[in-house]
Amino acid sequence: MIGRLGRIGGAGAIAAGAFSAGSSFSDWKDSIMPYRFADATVAPARPSAVATADTPGLAPSRVSEIMRFGYPGFDNLRTFEDFVVSYDRKTRTAHWVFEHLAPERMIYDPSVDRSKCQFRPDESMHPYFRSLNEDYKGSGYDRGHLAAAGNHRKTQLSVDQTFFLSNMSPQVGRGFNRDKWNELEKRMRHHAKKNPNVYVCTGPLYLPYQESDGCKYVKYKVIGKSHVAVPTHFFKVCLIEKAPHQYHLEAYVMPNQVIPDETPLDSFMVPLDSIERAAGFLIFEKVPKNELKMINGKKAGGLWLRQV
């Protein structure tokens, strides 16, 4: 459960300012505020929530298909052609990202060119709460996809939209984003090619760990002027439809750190409810209990990890 999550890996260090003796209030304020205080008489323009080819919004896409088994929450939703994001304005990254994968969507159009894609801010978000490319520059972290670009190469628009920064979180590059996390993404595509439907929920976690004083703390680093949060861990939960009314579930948590290549993916499997308790929302809540046949490779039987 939560204890198991806590043992998986360490957490990052927090970046915080301190108001110490001898420093001015303005110096302290500038050290902790990612933006200057705006003129209170001038209201910043709010971006449109209507989706276009370049800007995500609230217009319908495949959302009913993607969100078939329920929303974990309804905070700052953005719908794209192939995935749905719930955005956390405080951390400047997502609460969660949902995808629906299927064999026909794994047939890639050869004209789709990933090299044409560009990382870009999500202008449907208020400027106060966006992450920017400049936040990542020189940080030592990758702009890590939550909805993987490799999952959405059926159209150029689909893969382009995965490069919005609202679909990114700061991830350790070599040894994580480019390696073990990428291996997990490939496992999702393998499931999608072999099964009628696969539903994937991905997101960041900020897990507590115990310090030398015996107390537990939640600490995480932030990067850039926007103070983009660096998650301590990431989760990925997939629901695999094997046949009508028969589902398998896999739930993973990985620490945001270098992971040895020889570490098996299965070692990162955790109980679903441990992710839900840590993240603060329920995942695949509408799946009938009697239709869930396997959990993390074991027969579900009468066991449902969510007890209430």
C-alpha atoms as a PDB file:
ATOM      1  CA  MET A   1       0.000   0.000   0.000  1.00  0.00           C
ATOM      2  CA  ILE A   2       1.369   3.448   0.839  1.00  0.00           C
ATOM      3  CA  GLY A   3       4.276   1.855   2.694  1.00  0.00           C
ATOM      4  CA  ARG A   4       5.230  -0.070  -0.400  1.00  0.00           C
ATOM      5  CA  LEU A   5       5.072   3.079  -2.485  1.00  0.00           C
ATOM      6  CA  GLY A   6       7.332   4.839  -0.046  1.00  0.00           C
ATOM      7  CA  ARG A   7       9.973   2.115  -0.323  1.00  0.00           C
ATOM      8  CA  ILE A   8      10.223   2.281  -4.107  1.00  0.00           C
ATOM      9  CA  GLY A   9      12.581   5.223  -4.230  1.00  0.00           C
ATOM     10  CA  GLY A  10      13.748   8.507  -2.757  1.00  0.00           C
ATOM     11  CA  ALA A  11      12.267  11.954  -3.243  1.00  0.00           C
ATOM     12  CA  GLY A  12      13.827  15.110  -4.610  1.00  0.00           C
ATOM     13  CA  ALA A  13      14.875  18.105  -2.559  1.00  0.00           C
ATOM     14  CA  ILE A  14      12.665  21.166  -2.286  1.00  0.00           C
ATOM     15  CA  ALA A  15      13.654  24.534  -3.688  1.00  0.00           C
ATOM     16  CA  ALA A  16      12.426  27.226  -1.339  1.00  0.00           C
ATOM     17  CA  GLY A  17      13.320  30.763  -0.387  1.00  0.00           C
ATOM     18  CA  ALA A  18      13.899  31.886   3.186  1.00  0.00           C
ATOM     19  CA  PHE A  19      13.417  35.352   4.644  1.00  0.00           C
ATOM     20  CA  SER A  20      16.527  35.744   6.780  1.00  0.00           C
ATOM     21  CA  ALA A  21      17.862  38.620   8.863  1.00  0.00           C
ATOM     22  CA  GLY A  22      19.541  41.303   6.796  1.00  0.00           C
ATOM     23  CA  SER A  23      17.636  40.604   3.571  1.00  0.00           C
ATOM     24  CA  SER A  24      15.007  42.984   2.315  1.00  0.00           C
ATOM     25  CA  PHE A  25      11.386  42.023   1.857  1.00  0.00           C
ATOM     26  CA  SER A  26      11.635  42.749  -1.871  1.00  0.00           C
ATOM     27  CA  ASP A  27      14.631  40.394  -2.194  1.00  0.00           C
ATOM     28  CA  TRP A  28      12.766  37.651  -0.357  1.00  0.00           C
ATOM     29  CA  LYS A  29       9.604  38.238  -2.396  1.00  0.00           C
ATOM     30  CA  ASP A  30      11.518  38.056  -5.683  1.00  0.00           C
ATOM     31  CA  SER A  31      13.234  34.837  -4.589  1.00  0.00           C
ATOM     32  CA  ILE A  32      10.003  32.924  -4.055  1.00  0.00           C
ATOM     33  CA  MET A  33       7.635  34.465  -6.606  1.00  0.00           C
ATOM     34  CA  PRO A  34       7.875  33.213 -10.188  1.00  0.00           C
ATOM     35  CA  TYR A  35       6.161  36.359 -11.483  1.00  0.00           C
ATOM     36  CA  ARG A  36       6.329  40.019 -10.612  1.00  0.00           C
ATOM     37  CA  PHE A  37       3.280  41.437  -8.884  1.00  0.00           C
ATOM     38  CA  ALA A  38       0.982  42.625 -11.672  1.00  0.00           C
ATOM     39  CA  ASP A  39      -0.843  45.933 -11.762  1.00  0.00           C
ATOM     40  CA  ALA A  40      -4.069  45.115  -9.942  1.00  0.00           C
ATOM     41  CA  THR A  41      -6.004  47.459 -12.226  1.00  0.00           C
ATOM     42  CA  VAL A  42      -5.105  45.484 -15.360  1.00  0.00           C
ATOM     43  CA  ALA A  43      -6.725  42.077 -15.756  1.00  0.00           C
ATOM     44  CA  PRO A  44      -4.672  39.703 -17.925  1.00  0.00           C
ATOM     45  CA  ALA A  45      -6.450  38.312 -20.972  1.00  0.00           C
ATOM     46  CA  ARG A  46      -7.675  34.764 -20.491  1.00  0.00           C
ATOM     47  CA  PRO A  47      -7.068  32.320 -23.331  1.00  0.00           C
ATOM     48  CA  SER A  48     -10.007  30.790 -25.126  1.00  0.00           C
ATOM     49  CA  ALA A  49     -11.189  27.364 -23.992  1.00  0.00           C
ATOM     50  CA  VAL A  50     -12.309  26.466 -27.520  1.00  0.00           C
ATOM     51  CA  ALA A  51     -10.147  23.842 -29.190  1.00  0.00           C
ATOM     52  CA  THR A  52      -8.511  24.525 -32.547  1.00  0.00           C
ATOM     53  CA  ALA A  53      -5.957  22.591 -34.548  1.00  0.00           C
ATOM     54  CA  ASP A  54      -3.211  24.219 -32.463  1.00  0.00           C
ATOM     55  CA  THR A  55      -4.890  24.919 -29.149  1.00  0.00           C
ATOM     56  CA  PRO A  56      -6.515  22.357 -26.836  1.00  0.00           C
ATOM     57  CA  GLY A  57      -9.793  23.126 -25.139  1.00  0.00           C
ATOM     58  CA  LEU A  58     -13.091  21.651 -24.060  1.00  0.00           C
ATOM     59  CA  ALA A  59     -14.546  20.782 -27.455  1.00  0.00           C
ATOM     60  CA  PRO A  60     -15.506  17.105 -27.922  1.00  0.00           C
ATOM     61  CA  SER A  61     -12.980  14.716 -29.453  1.00  0.00           C
ATOM     62  CA  ARG A  62     -12.879  10.996 -28.658  1.00  0.00           C
ATOM     63  CA  VAL A  63     -13.467  11.988 -25.059  1.00  0.00           C
ATOM     64  CA  SER A  64     -16.422   9.666 -24.371  1.00  0.00           C
ATOM     65  CA  GLU A  65     -14.390   6.733 -25.667  1.00  0.00           C
ATOM     66  CA  ILE A  66     -11.232   7.723 -23.797  1.00  0.00           C
ATOM     67  CA  MET A  67     -13.057   8.366 -20.518  1.00  0.00           C
ATOM     68  CA  ARG A  68     -15.339   5.319 -20.769  1.00  0.00           C
ATOM     69  CA  PHE A  69     -14.640   4.174 -17.201  1.00  0.00           C
ATOM     70  CA  GLY A  70     -14.929   7.503 -15.448  1.00  0.00           C
ATOM     71  CA  TYR A  71     -13.004  10.674 -14.713  1.00  0.00           C
ATOM     72  CA  PRO A  72     -10.562  10.714 -11.786  1.00  0.00           C
ATOM     73  CA  GLY A  73     -11.502  14.382 -11.408  1.00  0.00           C
ATOM     74  CA  PHE A  74     -12.708  17.432 -13.304  1.00  0.00           C
ATOM     75  CA  ASP A  75     -10.029  20.016 -12.507  1.00  0.00           C
ATOM     76  CA  ASN A  76      -8.861  22.104 -15.499  1.00  0.00           C
ATOM     77  CA  LEU A  77      -9.745  19.542 -18.160  1.00  0.00           C
ATOM     78  CA  ARG A  78      -8.298  19.821 -21.658  1.00  0.00           C
ATOM     79  CA  THR A  79      -9.330  17.491 -24.462  1.00  0.00           C
ATOM     80  CA  PHE A  80      -7.105  16.713 -27.399  1.00  0.00           C
ATOM     81  CA  GLU A  81      -7.656  14.545 -30.450  1.00  0.00           C
ATOM     82  CA  ASP A  82      -6.336  11.413 -28.732  1.00  0.00           C
ATOM     83  CA  PHE A  83      -6.020  12.097 -24.988  1.00  0.00           C
ATOM     84  CA  VAL A  84      -7.470  14.053 -22.061  1.00  0.00           C
ATOM     85  CA  VAL A  85      -5.501  16.099 -19.496  1.00  0.00           C
ATOM     86  CA  SER A  86      -6.435  17.326 -16.028  1.00  0.00           C
ATOM     87  CA  TYR A  87      -3.977  20.142 -15.340  1.00  0.00           C
ATOM     88  CA  ASP A  88      -2.627  21.165 -11.935  1.00  0.00           C
ATOM     89  CA  ARG A  89      -2.140  24.937 -11.967  1.00  0.00           C
ATOM     90  CA  LYS A  90      -0.077  24.868  -8.778  1.00  0.00           C
ATOM     91  CA  THR A  91       2.579  22.426  -9.975  1.00  0.00           C
ATOM     92  CA  ARG A  92       2.438  23.477 -13.667  1.00  0.00           C
ATOM     93  CA  THR A  93       2.075  19.858 -14.708  1.00  0.00           C
ATOM     94  CA  ALA A  94      -0.823  17.424 -14.969  1.00  0.00           C
ATOM     95  CA  HIS A  95      -2.864  15.741 -12.255  1.00  0.00           C
ATOM     96  CA  TRP A  96      -3.420  12.926 -14.748  1.00  0.00           C
ATOM     97  CA  VAL A  97      -3.535  12.133 -18.464  1.00  0.00           C
ATOM     98  CA  PHE A  98      -5.903   9.557 -19.975  1.00  0.00           C
ATOM     99  CA  GLU A  99      -5.468   7.657 -23.253  1.00  0.00           C
ATOM    100  CA  HIS A 100      -7.401   5.028 -25.180  1.00  0.00           C
ATOM    101  CA  LEU A 101      -5.237   2.731 -27.320  1.00  0.00           C
ATOM    102  CA  ALA A 102      -6.380   0.044 -29.758  1.00  0.00           C
ATOM    103  CA  PRO A 103      -4.871  -2.066 -32.576  1.00  0.00           C
ATOM    104  CA  GLU A 104      -6.216   0.178 -35.337  1.00  0.00           C
ATOM    105  CA  ARG A 105      -4.681   3.224 -33.646  1.00  0.00           C
ATOM    106  CA  MET A 106      -1.282   1.530 -33.527  1.00  0.00           C
ATOM    107  CA  ILE A 107      -1.143   1.468 -37.346  1.00  0.00           C
ATOM    108  CA  TYR A 108       1.056   4.466 -38.001  1.00  0.00           C
ATOM    109  CA  ASP A 109       0.724   6.758 -40.998  1.00  0.00           C
ATOM    110  CA  PRO A 110       4.177   6.824 -42.669  1.00  0.00           C
ATOM    111  CA  SER A 111       3.657  10.492 -43.523  1.00  0.00           C
ATOM    112  CA  VAL A 112       3.566  11.399 -39.822  1.00  0.00           C
ATOM    113  CA  ASP A 113       6.883  13.028 -38.952  1.00  0.00           C
ATOM    114  CA  ARG A 114       7.837  13.440 -35.294  1.00  0.00           C
ATOM    115  CA  SER A 115      10.724  15.718 -36.252  1.00  0.00           C
ATOM    116  CA  LYS A 116       8.156  18.363 -37.217  1.00  0.00           C
ATOM    117  CA  CYS A 117       6.781  18.445 -33.661  1.00  0.00           C
ATOM    118  CA  GLN A 118       7.741  21.296 -31.358  1.00  0.00           C
ATOM    119  CA  PHE A 119       7.506  21.586 -27.590  1.00  0.00           C
ATOM    120  CA  ARG A 120       5.238  24.555 -26.903  1.00  0.00           C
ATOM    121  CA  PRO A 121       3.315  26.156 -24.043  1.00  0.00           C
ATOM    122  CA  ASP A 122      -0.374  25.374 -23.736  1.00  0.00           C
ATOM    123  CA  GLU A 123      -1.920  28.755 -24.439  1.00  0.00           C
ATOM    124  CA  SER A 124      -5.347  27.573 -23.297  1.00  0.00           C
ATOM    125  CA  MET A 125      -3.942  27.922 -19.763  1.00  0.00           C
ATOM    126  CA  HIS A 126      -3.854  31.282 -18.001  1.00  0.00           C
ATOM    127  CA  PRO A 127      -0.340  32.782 -18.362  1.00  0.00           C
ATOM    128  CA  TYR A 128       0.164  32.647 -14.580  1.00  0.00           C
ATOM    129  CA  PHE A 129      -0.072  28.855 -14.574  1.00  0.00           C
ATOM    130  CA  ARG A 130       1.700  27.735 -17.751  1.00  0.00           C
ATOM    131  CA  SER A 131       4.994  25.924 -17.906  1.00  0.00           C
ATOM    132  CA  LEU A 132       7.435  27.246 -20.494  1.00  0.00           C
ATOM    133  CA  ASN A 133      10.307  25.819 -22.498  1.00  0.00           C
ATOM    134  CA  GLU A 134      12.579  28.263 -20.685  1.00  0.00           C
ATOM    135  CA  ASP A 135      11.724  26.560 -17.389  1.00  0.00           C
ATOM    136  CA  TYR A 136      13.345  23.346 -18.602  1.00  0.00           C
ATOM    137  CA  LYS A 137      16.390  24.960 -20.238  1.00  0.00           C
ATOM    138  CA  GLY A 138      19.513  24.141 -18.242  1.00  0.00           C
ATOM    139  CA  SER A 139      17.507  22.363 -15.534  1.00  0.00           C
ATOM    140  CA  GLY A 140      18.984  18.931 -16.171  1.00  0.00           C
ATOM    141  CA  TYR A 141      15.501  17.459 -16.708  1.00  0.00           C
ATOM    142  CA  ASP A 142      13.777  16.206 -19.846  1.00  0.00           C
ATOM    143  CA  ARG A 143      10.369  17.422 -20.921  1.00  0.00           C
ATOM    144  CA  GLY A 144       8.870  13.998 -20.258  1.00  0.00           C
ATOM    145  CA  HIS A 145       5.687  12.965 -22.052  1.00  0.00           C
ATOM    146  CA  LEU A 146       2.767  11.668 -19.987  1.00  0.00           C
ATOM    147  CA  ALA A 147       0.718  10.683 -23.048  1.00  0.00           C
ATOM    148  CA  ALA A 148       3.579   9.173 -25.056  1.00  0.00           C
ATOM    149  CA  ALA A 149       4.223  10.559 -28.536  1.00  0.00           C
ATOM    150  CA  GLY A 150       4.776   7.000 -29.762  1.00  0.00           C
ATOM    151  CA  ASN A 151       1.183   6.124 -28.863  1.00  0.00           C
ATOM    152  CA  HIS A 152      -0.296   8.747 -31.189  1.00  0.00           C
ATOM    153  CA  ARG A 153       1.206   8.573 -34.659  1.00  0.00           C
ATOM    154  CA  LYS A 154      -1.981   7.880 -36.570  1.00  0.00           C
ATOM    155  CA  THR A 155      -2.185  11.537 -37.644  1.00  0.00           C
ATOM    156  CA  GLN A 156       0.240  14.445 -37.578  1.00  0.00           C
ATOM    157  CA  LEU A 157      -2.158  16.405 -35.372  1.00  0.00           C
ATOM    158  CA  SER A 158      -2.285  13.576 -32.821  1.00  0.00           C
ATOM    159  CA  VAL A 159       1.468  13.445 -32.332  1.00  0.00           C
ATOM    160  CA  ASP A 160       1.831  17.246 -32.511  1.00  0.00           C
ATOM    161  CA  GLN A 161      -0.571  17.667 -29.601  1.00  0.00           C
ATOM    162  CA  THR A 162       1.467  15.391 -27.336  1.00  0.00           C
ATOM    163  CA  PHE A 163       4.160  18.102 -27.383  1.00  0.00           C
ATOM    164  CA  PHE A 164       2.082  20.681 -25.503  1.00  0.00           C
ATOM    165  CA  LEU A 165       3.845  21.366 -22.203  1.00  0.00           C
ATOM    166  CA  SER A 166       0.621  20.612 -20.317  1.00  0.00           C
ATOM    167  CA  ASN A 167       1.379  16.982 -21.265  1.00  0.00           C
ATOM    168  CA  MET A 168       4.920  17.193 -19.840  1.00  0.00           C
ATOM    169  CA  SER A 169       6.564  16.720 -16.467  1.00  0.00           C
ATOM    170  CA  PRO A 170      10.232  17.181 -15.549  1.00  0.00           C
ATOM    171  CA  GLN A 171      11.831  13.745 -15.788  1.00  0.00           C
ATOM    172  CA  VAL A 172      15.357  12.492 -15.274  1.00  0.00           C
ATOM    173  CA  GLY A 173      16.595  11.869 -18.810  1.00  0.00           C
ATOM    174  CA  ARG A 174      19.164   9.120 -19.177  1.00  0.00           C
ATOM    175  CA  GLY A 175      18.263   6.124 -17.034  1.00  0.00           C
ATOM    176  CA  PHE A 176      14.598   7.086 -16.730  1.00  0.00           C
ATOM    177  CA  ASN A 177      12.687   8.974 -19.442  1.00  0.00           C
ATOM    178  CA  ARG A 178      14.855   7.649 -22.262  1.00  0.00           C
ATOM    179  CA  ASP A 179      15.204   4.171 -20.798  1.00  0.00           C
ATOM    180  CA  LYS A 180      13.048   2.456 -18.153  1.00  0.00           C
ATOM    181  CA  TRP A 181      10.041   4.791 -18.539  1.00  0.00           C
ATOM    182  CA  ASN A 182      10.291   4.376 -22.311  1.00  0.00           C
ATOM    183  CA  GLU A 183      10.297   0.617 -21.785  1.00  0.00           C
ATOM    184  CA  LEU A 184       7.034   0.917 -19.851  1.00  0.00           C
ATOM    185  CA  GLU A 185       5.513   3.010 -22.656  1.00  0.00           C
ATOM    186  CA  LYS A 186       6.483   0.295 -25.131  1.00  0.00           C
ATOM    187  CA  ARG A 187       4.749  -2.286 -22.944  1.00  0.00           C
ATOM    188  CA  MET A 188       1.537  -0.238 -23.231  1.00  0.00           C
ATOM    189  CA  ARG A 189       1.832  -0.266 -27.026  1.00  0.00           C
ATOM    190  CA  HIS A 190       2.454  -4.010 -26.974  1.00  0.00           C
ATOM    191  CA  HIS A 191      -0.783  -4.486 -25.019  1.00  0.00           C
ATOM    192  CA  ALA A 192      -2.610  -2.196 -27.459  1.00  0.00           C
ATOM    193  CA  LYS A 193      -1.506  -4.213 -30.491  1.00  0.00           C
ATOM    194  CA  LYS A 194      -2.650  -7.514 -28.936  1.00  0.00           C
ATOM    195  CA  ASN A 195      -5.970  -6.544 -27.316  1.00  0.00           C
ATOM    196  CA  PRO A 196      -9.226  -4.881 -28.435  1.00  0.00           C
ATOM    197  CA  ASN A 197      -8.927  -1.865 -26.119  1.00  0.00           C
ATOM    198  CA  VAL A 198      -6.381  -0.511 -23.653  1.00  0.00           C
ATOM    199  CA  TYR A 199      -7.045   2.463 -21.360  1.00  0.00           C
ATOM    200  CA  VAL A 200      -4.057   4.192 -19.768  1.00  0.00           C
ATOM    201  CA  CYS A 201      -3.927   6.730 -16.925  1.00  0.00           C
ATOM    202  CA  THR A 202      -0.562   8.396 -16.244  1.00  0.00           C
ATOM    203  CA  GLY A 203       0.536  11.085 -13.822  1.00  0.00           C
ATOM    204  CA  PRO A 204       3.028  12.446 -11.301  1.00  0.00           C
ATOM    205  CA  LEU A 205       3.300  11.650  -7.601  1.00  0.00           C
ATOM    206  CA  TYR A 206       4.878  13.567  -4.739  1.00  0.00           C
ATOM    207  CA  LEU A 207       5.531  10.919  -2.106  1.00  0.00           C
ATOM    208  CA  PRO A 208       6.621  11.378   1.515  1.00  0.00           C
ATOM    209  CA  TYR A 209       9.820   9.976   2.914  1.00  0.00           C
ATOM    210  CA  GLN A 210      11.223   9.763   6.394  1.00  0.00           C
ATOM    211  CA  GLU A 211      14.079  12.046   7.431  1.00  0.00           C
ATOM    212  CA  SER A 212      16.615  11.652  10.227  1.00  0.00           C
ATOM    213  CA  ASP A 213      14.297  13.279  12.776  1.00  0.00           C
ATOM    214  CA  GLY A 214      11.847  10.410  12.332  1.00  0.00           C
ATOM    215  CA  CYS A 215       9.205  12.604  10.669  1.00  0.00           C
ATOM    216  CA  LYS A 216       7.913  12.169   7.140  1.00  0.00           C
ATOM    217  CA  TYR A 217       8.013  15.034   4.670  1.00  0.00           C
ATOM    218  CA  VAL A 218       6.789  15.692   1.149  1.00  0.00           C
ATOM    219  CA  LYS A 219       9.574  17.588  -0.601  1.00  0.00           C
ATOM    220  CA  TYR A 220      10.143  18.217  -4.272  1.00  0.00           C
ATOM    221  CA  LYS A 221      12.323  20.404  -6.447  1.00  0.00           C
ATOM    222  CA  VAL A 222      10.951  23.153  -8.699  1.00  0.00           C
ATOM    223  CA  ILE A 223      12.550  24.433 -11.907  1.00  0.00           C
ATOM    224  CA  GLY A 224      12.461  27.658 -13.875  1.00  0.00           C
ATOM    225  CA  LYS A 225      10.815  30.993 -13.232  1.00  0.00           C
ATOM    226  CA  SER A 226       7.414  29.273 -13.373  1.00  0.00           C
ATOM    227  CA  HIS A 227       8.411  26.943 -10.507  1.00  0.00           C
ATOM    228  CA  VAL A 228       7.467  23.759 -12.371  1.00  0.00           C
ATOM    229  CA  ALA A 229       7.303  20.917  -9.844  1.00  0.00           C
ATOM    230  CA  VAL A 230       9.630  17.949 -10.272  1.00  0.00           C
ATOM    231  CA  PRO A 231       7.671  14.825  -9.242  1.00  0.00           C
ATOM    232  CA  THR A 232       9.372  12.336  -6.957  1.00  0.00           C
ATOM    233  CA  HIS A 233       7.616   9.458  -8.762  1.00  0.00           C
ATOM    234  CA  PHE A 234       5.343   8.720 -11.710  1.00  0.00           C
ATOM    235  CA  PHE A 235       2.460   6.278 -11.995  1.00  0.00           C
ATOM    236  CA  LYS A 236       0.914   4.490 -14.937  1.00  0.00           C
ATOM    237  CA  VAL A 237      -2.225   2.351 -14.694  1.00  0.00           C
ATOM    238  CA  CYS A 238      -3.545   0.389 -17.659  1.00  0.00           C
ATOM    239  CA  LEU A 239      -6.847  -1.414 -18.078  1.00  0.00           C
ATOM    240  CA  ILE A 240      -6.695  -4.091 -20.772  1.00  0.00           C
ATOM    241  CA  GLU A 241      -9.876  -5.389 -22.372  1.00  0.00           C
ATOM    242  CA  LYS A 242      -9.160  -9.046 -23.167  1.00  0.00           C
ATOM    243  CA  ALA A 243     -12.700  -9.858 -24.310  1.00  0.00           C
ATOM    244  CA  PRO A 244     -16.173  -8.390 -23.717  1.00  0.00           C
ATOM    245  CA  HIS A 245     -16.613  -7.892 -19.939  1.00  0.00           C
ATOM    246  CA  GLN A 246     -13.160  -9.312 -19.166  1.00  0.00           C
ATOM    247  CA  TYR A 247     -10.405  -6.951 -18.041  1.00  0.00           C
ATOM    248  CA  HIS A 248      -6.860  -7.138 -16.739  1.00  0.00           C
ATOM    249  CA  LEU A 249      -5.310  -4.285 -14.760  1.00  0.00           C
ATOM    250  CA  GLU A 250      -1.671  -3.313 -14.280  1.00  0.00           C
ATOM    251  CA  ALA A 251      -0.510  -0.526 -11.938  1.00  0.00           C
ATOM    252  CA  TYR A 252       3.050   0.824 -11.812  1.00  0.00           C
ATOM    253  CA  VAL A 253       4.970   3.427  -9.822  1.00  0.00           C
ATOM    254  CA  MET A 254       8.530   4.432 -10.755  1.00  0.00           C
ATOM    255  CA  PRO A 255      10.888   6.803  -8.927  1.00  0.00           C
ATOM    256  CA  ASN A 256      12.002   9.811 -10.957  1.00  0.00           C
ATOM    257  CA  GLN A 257      15.655   8.799 -10.898  1.00  0.00           C
ATOM    258  CA  VAL A 258      18.178   6.692 -12.758  1.00  0.00           C
ATOM    259  CA  ILE A 259      16.970   3.078 -12.796  1.00  0.00           C
ATOM    260  CA  PRO A 260      19.385   0.246 -13.679  1.00  0.00           C
ATOM    261  CA  ASP A 261      18.602  -1.356 -17.045  1.00  0.00           C
ATOM    262  CA  GLU A 262      18.416  -4.827 -15.518  1.00  0.00           C
ATOM    263  CA  THR A 263      15.546  -3.869 -13.190  1.00  0.00           C
ATOM    264  CA  PRO A 264      12.424  -5.741 -14.396  1.00  0.00           C
ATOM    265  CA  LEU A 265       9.296  -3.693 -15.088  1.00  0.00           C
ATOM    266  CA  ASP A 266       7.217  -6.040 -12.959  1.00  0.00           C
ATOM    267  CA  SER A 267       9.172  -4.945  -9.878  1.00  0.00           C
ATOM    268  CA  PHE A 268       7.405  -1.565 -10.127  1.00  0.00           C
ATOM    269  CA  MET A 269       3.904  -3.046  -9.922  1.00  0.00           C
ATOM    270  CA  VAL A 270       1.924  -1.812  -6.904  1.00  0.00           C
ATOM    271  CA  PRO A 271      -1.638  -2.141  -5.584  1.00  0.00           C
ATOM    272  CA  LEU A 272      -4.013   0.207  -7.385  1.00  0.00           C
ATOM    273  CA  ASP A 273      -5.322   1.703  -4.172  1.00  0.00           C
ATOM    274  CA  SER A 274      -1.820   2.770  -3.107  1.00  0.00           C
ATOM    275  CA  ILE A 275      -1.660   5.008  -6.185  1.00  0.00           C
ATOM    276  CA  GLU A 276      -5.179   6.320  -5.597  1.00  0.00           C
ATOM    277  CA  ARG A 277      -4.469   7.193  -1.958  1.00  0.00           C
ATOM    278  CA  ALA A 278      -1.235   8.986  -2.880  1.00  0.00           C
ATOM    279  CA  ALA A 279      -2.665  10.814  -5.907  1.00  0.00           C
ATOM    280  CA  GLY A 280      -5.962  11.782  -4.290  1.00  0.00           C
ATOM    281  CA  PHE A 281      -8.360  10.390  -6.872  1.00  0.00           C
ATOM    282  CA  LEU A 282      -9.904   7.105  -8.020  1.00  0.00           C
ATOM    283  CA  ILE A 283      -8.901   5.449 -11.294  1.00  0.00           C
ATOM    284  CA  PHE A 284     -11.204   3.254 -13.423  1.00  0.00           C
ATOM    285  CA  GLU A 285     -13.903   3.625 -10.808  1.00  0.00           C
ATOM    286  CA  LYS A 286     -16.665   2.478 -13.187  1.00  0.00           C
ATOM    287  CA  VAL A 287     -15.142  -0.903 -14.019  1.00  0.00           C
ATOM    288  CA  PRO A 288     -17.536  -3.567 -12.663  1.00  0.00           C
ATOM    289  CA  LYS A 289     -15.704  -5.536  -9.996  1.00  0.00           C
ATOM    290  CA  ASN A 290     -16.831  -8.892 -11.343  1.00  0.00           C
ATOM    291  CA  GLU A 291     -15.351  -8.085 -14.778  1.00  0.00           C
ATOM    292  CA  LEU A 292     -11.820  -7.536 -13.492  1.00  0.00           C
ATOM    293  CA  LYS A 293     -10.130 -10.921 -13.919  1.00  0.00           C
ATOM    294  CA  MET A 294      -6.427 -10.192 -13.313  1.00  0.00           C
ATOM    295  CA  ILE A 295      -4.552  -7.562 -11.274  1.00  0.00           C
ATOM    296  CA  ASN A 296      -0.802  -7.225 -11.838  1.00  0.00           C
ATOM    297  CA  GLY A 297      -0.679 -10.670 -13.389  1.00  0.00           C
ATOM    298  CA  LYS A 298      -2.580 -12.431 -10.583  1.00  0.00           C
ATOM    299  CA  LYS A 299      -6.144 -13.663 -10.520  1.00  0.00           C
ATOM    300  CA  ALA A 300      -8.404 -11.040  -9.022  1.00  0.00           C
ATOM    301  CA  GLY A 301     -10.986 -13.458  -7.654  1.00  0.00           C
ATOM    302  CA  GLY A 302     -12.976 -11.641  -4.989  1.00  0.00           C
ATOM    303  CA  LEU A 303     -10.153  -9.169  -4.374  1.00  0.00           C
ATOM    304  CA  TRP A 304     -10.707  -5.558  -5.335  1.00  0.00           C
ATOM    305  CA  LEU A 305      -7.919  -3.294  -4.158  1.00  0.00           C
ATOM    306  CA  ARG A 306     -10.342  -0.495  -3.384  1.00  0.00           C
ATOM    307  CA  GLN A 307     -12.034  -1.583  -0.168  1.00  0.00           C
ATOM    308  CA  VAL A 308     -14.544   1.276   0.264  1.00  0.00           C
END
